Amino acid sequence: MSTETINPEAKTQHVHAAAGASDSVAGMPEFSVQDGEWAAMAADLESAHNDRIAVNLGPVHPSTHGVLRVIVELEGETVKDCRLGTGYLHTGIEKSMEYRTYNQGVAYCSRMDYVAPFFSEVAWCLAVEKALGVTDQVPRRASEIRVLLMELNRIASHLVAVGTGANELGATTMLTTGFRGREEILRIFEHITGLRMNNTYMRPGGVSNDLLDDTVDMIREKLPLVKRDIGEMQDLIMANPIFIGRMKNVGWLPLSTMMALSLTGPCLRAGGLPLDMRKLQPYCGYEAYTFDVPTRDHSDCYTRTEVRFEEMYQSLRIVYQVLDRLEQSEGEPVMIADPKFTYPSKLTIGADGQGQDPEHVSHILGHSMEELIHHFKLVTEGFRIPPGQVYAQVEHAKGIQGVHLVTDGGTHPYRAHFRDPSYANLQSASMMCEGGLISDLVVSIGSIDPVFGGVDR
């Protein structure tokens, strides 16, 4: 080995190996590091960026919870820069809704956040009802059914969020347990709406049809099974040292930063702010239900999971209250009694799986030609809303779901814009991940719980 002397005062540009000049690799400068020079060396490395690599995660990658492209600049395993690329699931829903009636718009809403479709459906119906000025006319039973389905959907969404997040850490049992509990809820949805997903059940003015006679009893039988799975998941991971080590102090954000980035939902409440539209701006009669808003004071991946578990228990608490109310309101209408913009929701399912209430068919076909014409135009053209604009919002499982509806007096929206919580919350991913390990990036994105049907729309 050469004994050539290296000037220790020469400015260091890159660290390669502790050797003499003859051992340097082509293109790699020589160096010498002595006591007290580490800070200067680190600063030089920071400015040189010679040992960083750019890595693409996605847009097709199991850790991104969908078609998300994550572009990271790595220095070793440390994330120095993180940028997100969305739009790979763009479906043009907002533009398509401008060419559909207000009733047809419900079908698009259920296909945005397909894991939690009822929140989007209800938000859309609330906006249409507000534009029509009939919010106070929505039947009590219809609002109770809406609350029932939203709270069950909140539980199903959180089961998916916690299960998939734990699965990314190697806890496959958590995923299967979460989907087992979700399966019970999907069977309830199928029993009420006819579909497990993409339900298209809500309607401006109410819901499409009333509950079947055995629905309340069926739900009471299913809820203990759902609660069992929630408790089993909680026992498996929340005290698990591996889970705690991978989640605590990972993806942390201060409350002021979360507010500046417009985070809502469990991510924000884990930081200590009890922002919940069900409490602050009640809708669908939420002011009549007793429940708490879980919070923590340190928003990291672990506390976000804690908040989701507590929210599931609070949703169960609300569901039991709704079931008691539904038993009292049995037989009441589930749709506004205004033939100008709603057609009756009394459906009698025949042996072939289809059918209509005989009295309703007789009312349409058996009285006058004018009534038949009105029904035909109502179904084919839709109803008209006076010109104006409204904003409605609900507390989605992932945060605040908002709808900005602009009308021009026609039978379809002039503009419909949705504030999807997954899209808004994803803005924080870069700040959560930069400075951490690439393995923590996967955990941080999972704690946001994005669904890309809603992100891209």
Protein backbone atom coordinates (compact mmCIF):
# COMPACT_ATOMS: atom_id res chain seq x y z
CA MET A 1 0.00 0.00 0.00
CA SER A 2 1.27 3.45 -0.83
CA THR A 3 2.51 5.59 2.02
CA GLU A 4 1.87 8.84 0.15
CA THR A 5 0.83 11.58 2.59
CA ILE A 6 -2.67 12.96 2.21
CA ASN A 7 -3.31 16.59 3.10
CA PRO A 8 -5.80 16.44 6.02
CA GLU A 9 -6.89 20.02 5.35
CA ALA A 10 -8.04 19.33 1.80
CA LYS A 11 -11.79 19.76 1.43
CA THR A 12 -13.52 16.40 1.49
CA GLN A 13 -16.16 15.76 -1.19
CA HIS A 14 -16.98 12.09 -0.74
CA VAL A 15 -16.17 9.24 1.61
CA HIS A 16 -15.08 5.99 -0.06
CA ALA A 17 -12.56 4.02 2.03
CA ALA A 18 -10.01 4.61 4.77
CA ALA A 19 -6.95 4.16 2.56
CA GLY A 20 -4.20 6.05 0.76
CA ALA A 21 -4.34 7.78 -2.59
CA SER A 22 -3.47 4.71 -4.65
CA ASP A 23 -6.53 2.88 -3.27
CA SER A 24 -9.02 5.48 -4.50
CA VAL A 25 -11.49 4.34 -7.12
CA ALA A 26 -11.67 6.26 -10.38
CA GLY A 27 -13.83 9.32 -9.95
CA MET A 28 -13.91 9.00 -6.16
CA PRO A 29 -11.86 11.69 -4.34
CA GLU A 30 -9.34 10.87 -1.66
CA PHE A 31 -10.08 11.70 1.93
CA SER A 32 -8.89 11.78 5.47
CA VAL A 33 -11.17 12.18 8.47
CA GLN A 34 -9.85 13.21 11.85
CA ASP A 35 -11.46 14.19 15.13
CA GLY A 36 -13.95 17.03 14.82
CA GLU A 37 -14.35 16.77 11.04
CA TRP A 38 -17.50 14.62 10.93
CA ALA A 39 -19.85 17.61 10.78
CA ALA A 40 -18.02 19.11 7.81
CA MET A 41 -17.96 15.75 6.08
CA ALA A 42 -21.71 15.30 6.58
CA ALA A 43 -22.35 18.77 5.17
CA ASP A 44 -20.28 17.97 2.09
CA LEU A 45 -22.17 14.74 1.57
CA GLU A 46 -25.45 16.59 1.88
CA SER A 47 -24.46 19.01 -0.88
CA ALA A 48 -22.88 16.39 -3.16
CA HIS A 49 -25.83 13.92 -3.27
CA ASN A 50 -23.50 11.54 -5.10
CA ASP A 51 -24.60 8.47 -3.19
CA ARG A 52 -28.35 8.88 -3.57
CA ILE A 53 -30.57 6.79 -5.77
CA ALA A 54 -34.12 7.33 -7.00
CA VAL A 55 -36.56 4.47 -6.56
CA ASN A 56 -40.10 4.07 -7.86
CA LEU A 57 -42.62 2.28 -5.65
CA GLY A 58 -45.65 1.55 -7.78
CA PRO A 59 -47.88 2.47 -9.43
CA VAL A 60 -48.51 -1.26 -9.08
CA HIS A 61 -47.12 -2.25 -5.70
CA PRO A 62 -48.85 -4.04 -2.81
CA SER A 63 -47.63 -1.55 -0.21
CA THR A 64 -49.23 1.53 -1.79
CA HIS A 65 -52.85 0.47 -1.14
CA GLY A 66 -53.73 0.91 -4.81
CA VAL A 67 -52.33 2.47 -7.95
CA LEU A 68 -50.11 5.06 -6.28
CA ARG A 69 -46.67 5.98 -7.60
CA VAL A 70 -44.21 6.92 -4.88
CA ILE A 71 -40.93 8.39 -6.10
CA VAL A 72 -38.32 8.34 -3.34
CA GLU A 73 -34.75 9.56 -3.24
CA LEU A 74 -32.77 7.28 -0.95
CA GLU A 75 -29.51 7.67 0.86
CA GLY A 76 -28.90 4.15 2.05
CA GLU A 77 -32.28 3.23 3.54
CA THR A 78 -33.16 6.79 4.52
CA VAL A 79 -35.81 8.65 2.53
CA LYS A 80 -34.40 12.05 1.64
CA ASP A 81 -37.14 13.10 -0.77
CA CYS A 82 -40.61 11.69 -1.40
CA ARG A 83 -43.09 12.63 -4.10
CA LEU A 84 -46.45 11.05 -4.92
CA GLY A 85 -47.95 10.51 -8.36
CA THR A 86 -51.70 9.95 -8.63
CA GLY A 87 -54.18 9.71 -11.49
CA TYR A 88 -53.65 6.07 -12.47
CA LEU A 89 -57.26 5.22 -11.56
CA HIS A 90 -58.83 8.37 -13.01
CA THR A 91 -62.38 7.69 -14.17
CA GLY A 92 -63.74 11.17 -14.86
CA ILE A 93 -66.59 10.77 -12.39
CA GLU A 94 -67.07 14.48 -11.70
CA LYS A 95 -67.28 15.29 -15.42
CA SER A 96 -69.58 12.35 -16.11
CA MET A 97 -71.99 13.53 -13.42
CA GLU A 98 -72.60 16.71 -15.42
CA TYR A 99 -74.41 14.58 -18.01
CA ARG A 100 -76.52 12.55 -15.60
CA THR A 101 -79.61 13.29 -13.53
CA TYR A 102 -79.34 13.87 -9.81
CA ASN A 103 -80.68 10.40 -9.06
CA GLN A 104 -78.20 8.82 -11.47
CA GLY A 105 -75.37 10.66 -9.73
CA VAL A 106 -75.74 8.36 -6.72
CA ALA A 107 -74.37 5.46 -8.79
CA TYR A 108 -71.16 7.39 -9.44
CA CYS A 109 -70.75 8.30 -5.78
CA SER A 110 -70.73 4.68 -4.65
CA ARG A 111 -67.83 3.98 -7.03
CA MET A 112 -65.46 6.62 -5.69
CA ASP A 113 -64.34 5.30 -2.31
CA TYR A 114 -65.56 1.78 -2.98
CA VAL A 115 -64.52 0.60 0.50
CA ALA A 116 -66.87 3.13 2.14
CA PRO A 117 -69.48 4.04 -0.51
CA PHE A 118 -72.37 5.10 1.71
CA PHE A 119 -70.62 8.26 2.91
CA SER A 120 -70.28 9.58 -0.64
CA GLU A 121 -73.87 8.65 -1.44
CA VAL A 122 -75.23 10.42 1.65
CA ALA A 123 -73.06 13.50 1.06
CA TRP A 124 -74.39 13.77 -2.50
CA CYS A 125 -78.01 13.38 -1.38
CA LEU A 126 -77.53 15.99 1.36
CA ALA A 127 -76.19 18.45 -1.21
CA VAL A 128 -79.11 17.83 -3.59
CA GLU A 129 -81.63 18.14 -0.76
CA LYS A 130 -80.00 21.37 0.39
CA ALA A 131 -80.20 22.77 -3.15
CA LEU A 132 -83.88 21.82 -3.31
CA GLY A 133 -84.54 23.27 0.15
CA VAL A 134 -86.11 20.06 1.46
CA THR A 135 -83.54 19.02 4.06
CA ASP A 136 -86.06 19.24 6.89
CA GLN A 137 -88.60 17.15 4.98
CA VAL A 138 -86.51 13.98 4.81
CA PRO A 139 -88.42 11.31 6.79
CA ARG A 140 -87.05 10.32 10.18
CA ARG A 141 -86.81 6.66 9.24
CA ALA A 142 -84.79 7.46 6.12
CA SER A 143 -82.24 9.38 8.22
CA GLU A 144 -82.05 6.48 10.67
CA ILE A 145 -81.33 4.03 7.87
CA ARG A 146 -78.64 6.36 6.53
CA VAL A 147 -76.96 6.54 9.95
CA LEU A 148 -77.16 2.76 10.32
CA LEU A 149 -75.44 2.09 7.01
CA MET A 150 -72.81 4.80 7.47
CA GLU A 151 -71.75 3.54 10.89
CA LEU A 152 -71.60 -0.06 9.72
CA ASN A 153 -69.57 1.16 6.75
CA ARG A 154 -67.23 3.03 9.10
CA ILE A 155 -66.51 -0.22 10.92
CA ALA A 156 -65.95 -2.11 7.66
CA SER A 157 -63.58 0.59 6.40
CA HIS A 158 -61.53 0.61 9.60
CA LEU A 159 -61.32 -3.19 9.59
CA VAL A 160 -59.79 -3.00 6.12
CA ALA A 161 -57.44 -0.18 7.15
CA VAL A 162 -56.11 -1.95 10.25
CA GLY A 163 -56.01 -5.38 8.60
CA THR A 164 -54.10 -4.30 5.50
CA GLY A 165 -51.76 -2.10 7.53
CA ALA A 166 -50.83 -4.97 9.82
CA ASN A 167 -50.50 -7.34 6.87
CA GLU A 168 -47.75 -5.12 5.46
CA LEU A 169 -45.80 -5.74 8.66
CA GLY A 170 -46.17 -9.51 8.24
CA ALA A 171 -49.29 -10.10 10.33
CA THR A 172 -51.33 -12.02 7.77
CA THR A 173 -53.76 -13.20 10.44
CA MET A 174 -54.80 -9.60 11.00
CA LEU A 175 -55.85 -9.30 7.37
CA THR A 176 -57.97 -12.44 7.42
CA THR A 177 -59.54 -11.52 10.76
CA GLY A 178 -60.39 -8.04 9.51
CA PHE A 179 -61.98 -9.33 6.35
CA ARG A 180 -63.91 -11.91 8.36
CA GLY A 181 -65.54 -9.13 10.35
CA ARG A 182 -66.10 -7.07 7.22
CA GLU A 183 -67.80 -10.03 5.57
CA GLU A 184 -70.55 -9.98 8.21
CA ILE A 185 -71.17 -6.31 7.48
CA LEU A 186 -71.23 -6.87 3.72
CA ARG A 187 -73.90 -9.51 4.22
CA ILE A 188 -75.99 -6.90 6.04
CA PHE A 189 -75.49 -4.50 3.12
CA GLU A 190 -76.53 -7.20 0.67
CA HIS A 191 -79.62 -7.97 2.73
CA ILE A 192 -80.70 -4.31 2.75
CA THR A 193 -79.59 -3.02 -0.66
CA GLY A 194 -79.23 -6.17 -2.75
CA LEU A 195 -75.49 -5.60 -3.33
CA ARG A 196 -72.32 -6.06 -1.30
CA MET A 197 -70.55 -3.10 -2.93
CA ASN A 198 -71.51 -0.27 -5.31
CA ASN A 199 -74.84 -0.24 -3.51
CA THR A 200 -76.49 2.90 -5.04
CA TYR A 201 -79.04 2.76 -2.23
CA MET A 202 -79.42 6.39 -1.15
CA ARG A 203 -81.76 8.76 -2.96
CA PRO A 204 -82.27 12.52 -2.79
CA GLY A 205 -85.18 12.71 -0.37
CA GLY A 206 -84.59 9.39 1.40
CA VAL A 207 -83.54 5.87 0.48
CA SER A 208 -84.55 3.57 -2.37
CA ASN A 209 -86.56 1.11 -0.28
CA ASP A 210 -87.43 0.27 3.31
CA LEU A 211 -85.81 -2.44 5.41
CA LEU A 212 -87.18 -5.96 5.26
CA ASP A 213 -89.08 -7.27 8.26
CA ASP A 214 -86.20 -9.40 9.55
CA THR A 215 -83.41 -6.86 8.98
CA VAL A 216 -83.15 -5.52 12.53
CA ASP A 217 -83.04 -9.02 14.03
CA MET A 218 -80.42 -10.08 11.50
CA ILE A 219 -78.20 -7.12 12.37
CA ARG A 220 -78.50 -7.85 16.10
CA GLU A 221 -77.26 -11.38 15.40
CA LYS A 222 -74.29 -10.15 13.36
CA LEU A 223 -73.02 -7.40 15.66
CA PRO A 224 -71.55 -9.72 18.36
CA LEU A 225 -69.53 -11.45 15.63
CA VAL A 226 -68.20 -8.12 14.38
CA LYS A 227 -67.34 -7.02 17.92
CA ARG A 228 -65.53 -10.31 18.51
CA ASP A 229 -63.31 -9.75 15.48
CA ILE A 230 -62.55 -6.16 16.48
CA GLY A 231 -61.50 -7.31 19.95
CA GLU A 232 -59.43 -10.16 18.56
CA MET A 233 -57.53 -7.81 16.25
CA GLN A 234 -56.96 -5.34 19.05
CA ASP A 235 -55.60 -8.03 21.38
CA LEU A 236 -53.29 -9.39 18.68
CA ILE A 237 -51.45 -6.21 17.76
CA MET A 238 -51.85 -3.29 20.15
CA ALA A 239 -49.61 -4.86 22.81
CA ASN A 240 -47.39 -6.71 20.34
CA PRO A 241 -43.78 -5.48 20.76
CA ILE A 242 -43.04 -5.90 17.04
CA PHE A 243 -46.09 -3.89 16.05
CA ILE A 244 -45.31 -1.22 18.65
CA GLY A 245 -41.70 -0.98 17.49
CA ARG A 246 -42.72 -0.54 13.87
CA MET A 247 -45.58 1.92 14.52
CA LYS A 248 -44.73 4.15 17.48
CA ASN A 249 -43.07 7.47 16.60
CA VAL A 250 -43.29 6.57 12.90
CA GLY A 251 -45.03 8.99 10.54
CA TRP A 252 -45.41 11.55 13.31
CA LEU A 253 -46.76 14.99 12.48
CA PRO A 254 -47.43 17.94 14.83
CA LEU A 255 -50.99 19.20 15.11
CA SER A 256 -50.17 22.56 13.53
CA THR A 257 -48.73 20.85 10.46
CA MET A 258 -51.74 18.58 10.10
CA MET A 259 -54.08 21.56 10.25
CA ALA A 260 -52.00 23.40 7.65
CA LEU A 261 -52.16 20.36 5.36
CA SER A 262 -55.95 19.96 5.87
CA LEU A 263 -55.75 16.50 7.42
CA THR A 264 -59.03 15.24 8.84
CA GLY A 265 -60.40 12.04 10.29
CA PRO A 266 -58.46 9.61 12.52
CA CYS A 267 -55.12 11.13 11.47
CA LEU A 268 -56.09 14.54 12.85
CA ARG A 269 -57.95 13.26 15.91
CA ALA A 270 -54.89 11.21 16.88
CA GLY A 271 -53.10 14.55 17.21
CA GLY A 272 -55.56 15.84 19.78
CA LEU A 273 -58.15 17.84 17.81
CA PRO A 274 -61.68 16.35 18.14
CA LEU A 275 -62.84 17.54 14.71
CA ASP A 276 -65.91 15.46 13.86
CA MET A 277 -68.73 16.79 11.68
CA ARG A 278 -71.21 14.50 13.43
CA LYS A 279 -70.69 16.63 16.53
CA LEU A 280 -69.83 20.05 15.10
CA GLN A 281 -72.37 20.21 12.26
CA PRO A 282 -74.80 17.33 12.84
CA TYR A 283 -76.68 15.83 9.89
CA CYS A 284 -79.13 12.94 9.56
CA GLY A 285 -80.10 13.40 13.21
CA TYR A 286 -76.64 12.66 14.68
CA GLU A 287 -77.31 15.19 17.44
CA ALA A 288 -79.79 12.71 18.95
CA TYR A 289 -77.22 9.91 19.37
CA THR A 290 -74.85 9.42 22.29
CA PHE A 291 -71.23 8.73 21.36
CA ASP A 292 -67.72 9.98 22.05
CA VAL A 293 -65.02 11.30 19.71
CA PRO A 294 -61.77 9.39 20.46
CA THR A 295 -58.56 11.45 20.43
CA ARG A 296 -54.88 11.12 21.29
CA ASP A 297 -52.16 13.74 21.69
CA HIS A 298 -49.41 12.32 19.48
CA SER A 299 -50.36 11.54 15.88
CA ASP A 300 -48.16 8.67 14.74
CA CYS A 301 -49.02 5.37 13.07
CA TYR A 302 -49.71 3.67 16.40
CA THR A 303 -52.13 6.27 17.78
CA ARG A 304 -53.99 6.43 14.47
CA THR A 305 -54.61 2.72 14.81
CA GLU A 306 -55.75 3.24 18.41
CA VAL A 307 -58.23 5.89 17.30
CA ARG A 308 -59.63 3.61 14.60
CA PHE A 309 -60.22 0.81 17.10
CA GLU A 310 -62.03 3.15 19.48
CA GLU A 311 -64.10 4.59 16.63
CA MET A 312 -65.27 1.09 15.73
CA TYR A 313 -66.57 0.60 19.27
CA GLN A 314 -68.29 3.99 19.16
CA SER A 315 -69.90 3.08 15.84
CA LEU A 316 -71.24 -0.12 17.38
CA ARG A 317 -72.65 2.01 20.16
CA ILE A 318 -74.47 4.19 17.61
CA VAL A 319 -75.74 1.19 15.64
CA TYR A 320 -77.45 -0.28 18.71
CA GLN A 321 -79.18 3.06 19.29
CA VAL A 322 -80.31 3.18 15.66
CA LEU A 323 -81.76 -0.32 15.85
CA ASP A 324 -83.91 0.70 18.81
CA ARG A 325 -85.17 3.72 16.87
CA LEU A 326 -85.89 1.65 13.75
CA GLU A 327 -88.10 -0.68 15.75
CA GLN A 328 -90.11 2.34 16.89
CA SER A 329 -90.40 3.89 13.40
CA GLU A 330 -91.42 0.69 11.62
CA GLY A 331 -93.95 1.40 8.86
CA GLU A 332 -93.06 5.08 8.50
CA PRO A 333 -92.13 6.45 5.04
CA VAL A 334 -88.55 6.40 3.81
CA MET A 335 -88.94 8.95 1.01
CA ILE A 336 -90.20 12.53 0.82
CA ALA A 337 -93.85 12.53 -0.22
CA ASP A 338 -93.39 15.00 -3.07
CA PRO A 339 -94.18 13.58 -6.53
CA LYS A 340 -92.45 16.52 -8.21
CA PHE A 341 -89.01 15.01 -7.76
CA THR A 342 -89.31 11.63 -6.05
CA TYR A 343 -91.03 8.47 -7.10
CA PRO A 344 -92.24 6.03 -4.47
CA SER A 345 -89.74 3.65 -2.94
CA LYS A 346 -92.14 0.83 -2.14
CA LEU A 347 -90.64 -2.20 -3.82
CA THR A 348 -92.00 -5.72 -3.66
CA ILE A 349 -89.47 -8.25 -4.90
CA GLY A 350 -91.05 -11.02 -6.94
CA ALA A 351 -89.92 -14.59 -7.48
CA ASP A 352 -87.73 -13.43 -10.37
CA GLY A 353 -85.90 -10.96 -8.15
CA GLN A 354 -87.71 -7.97 -9.62
CA GLY A 355 -91.03 -6.28 -9.13
CA GLN A 356 -92.88 -3.19 -7.92
CA ASP A 357 -95.47 -2.51 -5.30
CA PRO A 358 -98.88 -3.29 -6.90
CA GLU A 359 -100.45 -0.14 -5.46
CA HIS A 360 -97.68 1.95 -6.98
CA VAL A 361 -98.11 0.34 -10.40
CA SER A 362 -101.85 0.90 -10.21
CA HIS A 363 -101.30 4.53 -9.24
CA ILE A 364 -99.09 5.13 -12.27
CA LEU A 365 -101.02 3.20 -14.90
CA GLY A 366 -104.58 3.13 -13.64
CA HIS A 367 -105.60 6.75 -13.08
CA SER A 368 -104.66 9.13 -15.87
CA MET A 369 -102.37 9.59 -18.83
CA GLU A 370 -100.90 12.70 -17.17
CA GLU A 371 -99.61 10.68 -14.22
CA LEU A 372 -97.97 8.18 -16.53
CA ILE A 373 -96.32 10.98 -18.53
CA HIS A 374 -95.09 12.64 -15.35
CA HIS A 375 -93.57 9.39 -14.10
CA PHE A 376 -91.91 8.76 -17.47
CA LYS A 377 -90.34 12.24 -17.58
CA LEU A 378 -89.27 12.01 -13.94
CA VAL A 379 -87.39 8.78 -14.61
CA THR A 380 -85.91 9.68 -18.01
CA GLU A 381 -85.21 13.40 -17.61
CA GLY A 382 -85.06 13.85 -13.84
CA PHE A 383 -86.19 16.77 -11.72
CA ARG A 384 -84.99 20.37 -11.94
CA ILE A 385 -83.15 22.35 -9.27
CA PRO A 386 -83.16 26.17 -9.19
CA PRO A 387 -79.84 27.87 -10.09
CA GLY A 388 -77.40 28.21 -7.22
CA GLN A 389 -74.61 26.45 -5.39
CA VAL A 390 -74.42 24.55 -2.12
CA TYR A 391 -71.84 22.71 -0.04
CA ALA A 392 -72.57 19.67 2.11
CA GLN A 393 -70.23 17.48 4.13
CA VAL A 394 -70.26 14.31 6.19
CA GLU A 395 -67.78 12.64 8.53
CA HIS A 396 -66.33 9.93 6.33
CA ALA A 397 -64.40 7.01 7.82
CA LYS A 398 -61.20 8.67 6.56
CA GLY A 399 -62.05 12.31 7.23
CA ILE A 400 -64.36 15.02 5.93
CA GLN A 401 -66.19 14.16 2.70
CA GLY A 402 -67.45 17.34 1.04
CA VAL A 403 -69.64 18.01 -2.00
CA HIS A 404 -69.77 21.35 -3.83
CA LEU A 405 -72.80 21.32 -6.12
CA VAL A 406 -73.48 24.05 -8.69
CA THR A 407 -76.87 24.04 -10.45
CA ASP A 408 -78.15 26.05 -13.41
CA GLY A 409 -81.84 25.21 -13.28
CA GLY A 410 -81.54 22.09 -15.40
CA THR A 411 -82.06 18.42 -14.70
CA HIS A 412 -78.36 17.67 -14.20
CA PRO A 413 -75.54 19.42 -12.32
CA TYR A 414 -73.63 22.27 -13.88
CA ARG A 415 -70.65 21.25 -11.74
CA ALA A 416 -70.13 18.66 -9.02
CA HIS A 417 -66.89 18.68 -7.07
CA PHE A 418 -65.99 16.30 -4.26
CA ARG A 419 -63.56 16.83 -1.41
CA ASP A 420 -62.32 13.32 -0.92
CA PRO A 421 -60.55 12.75 2.41
CA SER A 422 -58.06 10.27 0.97
CA TYR A 423 -56.85 12.83 -1.58
CA ALA A 424 -56.53 15.59 1.01
CA ASN A 425 -54.79 13.37 3.56
CA LEU A 426 -52.25 12.06 1.04
CA GLN A 427 -50.71 15.53 0.88
CA SER A 428 -49.09 14.78 4.22
CA ALA A 429 -47.30 11.63 3.06
CA SER A 430 -44.11 13.42 2.04
CA MET A 431 -43.72 15.12 5.41
CA MET A 432 -44.43 11.86 7.22
CA CYS A 433 -41.85 9.89 5.26
CA GLU A 434 -38.90 12.22 4.60
CA GLY A 435 -36.12 11.58 7.07
CA GLY A 436 -37.38 8.11 7.95
CA LEU A 437 -36.55 4.67 6.63
CA ILE A 438 -38.02 3.30 3.43
CA SER A 439 -39.61 0.50 5.47
CA ASP A 440 -41.39 3.17 7.52
CA LEU A 441 -42.75 4.75 4.34
CA VAL A 442 -44.96 1.72 3.80
CA VAL A 443 -46.30 1.98 7.35
CA SER A 444 -46.92 5.73 7.09
CA ILE A 445 -48.93 5.51 3.87
CA GLY A 446 -50.94 2.65 5.34
CA SER A 447 -51.79 4.76 8.39
CA ILE A 448 -53.38 7.37 6.10
CA ASP A 449 -55.66 4.65 4.69
CA PRO A 450 -56.09 5.99 1.13
CA VAL A 451 -58.53 4.48 -1.37
CA PHE A 452 -57.69 5.51 -4.92
CA GLY A 453 -61.14 5.33 -6.37
CA GLY A 454 -61.78 8.43 -4.30
CA VAL A 455 -58.34 9.97 -4.81
CA ASP A 456 -58.47 9.94 -8.61
CA ARG A 457 -62.24 10.04 -9.29
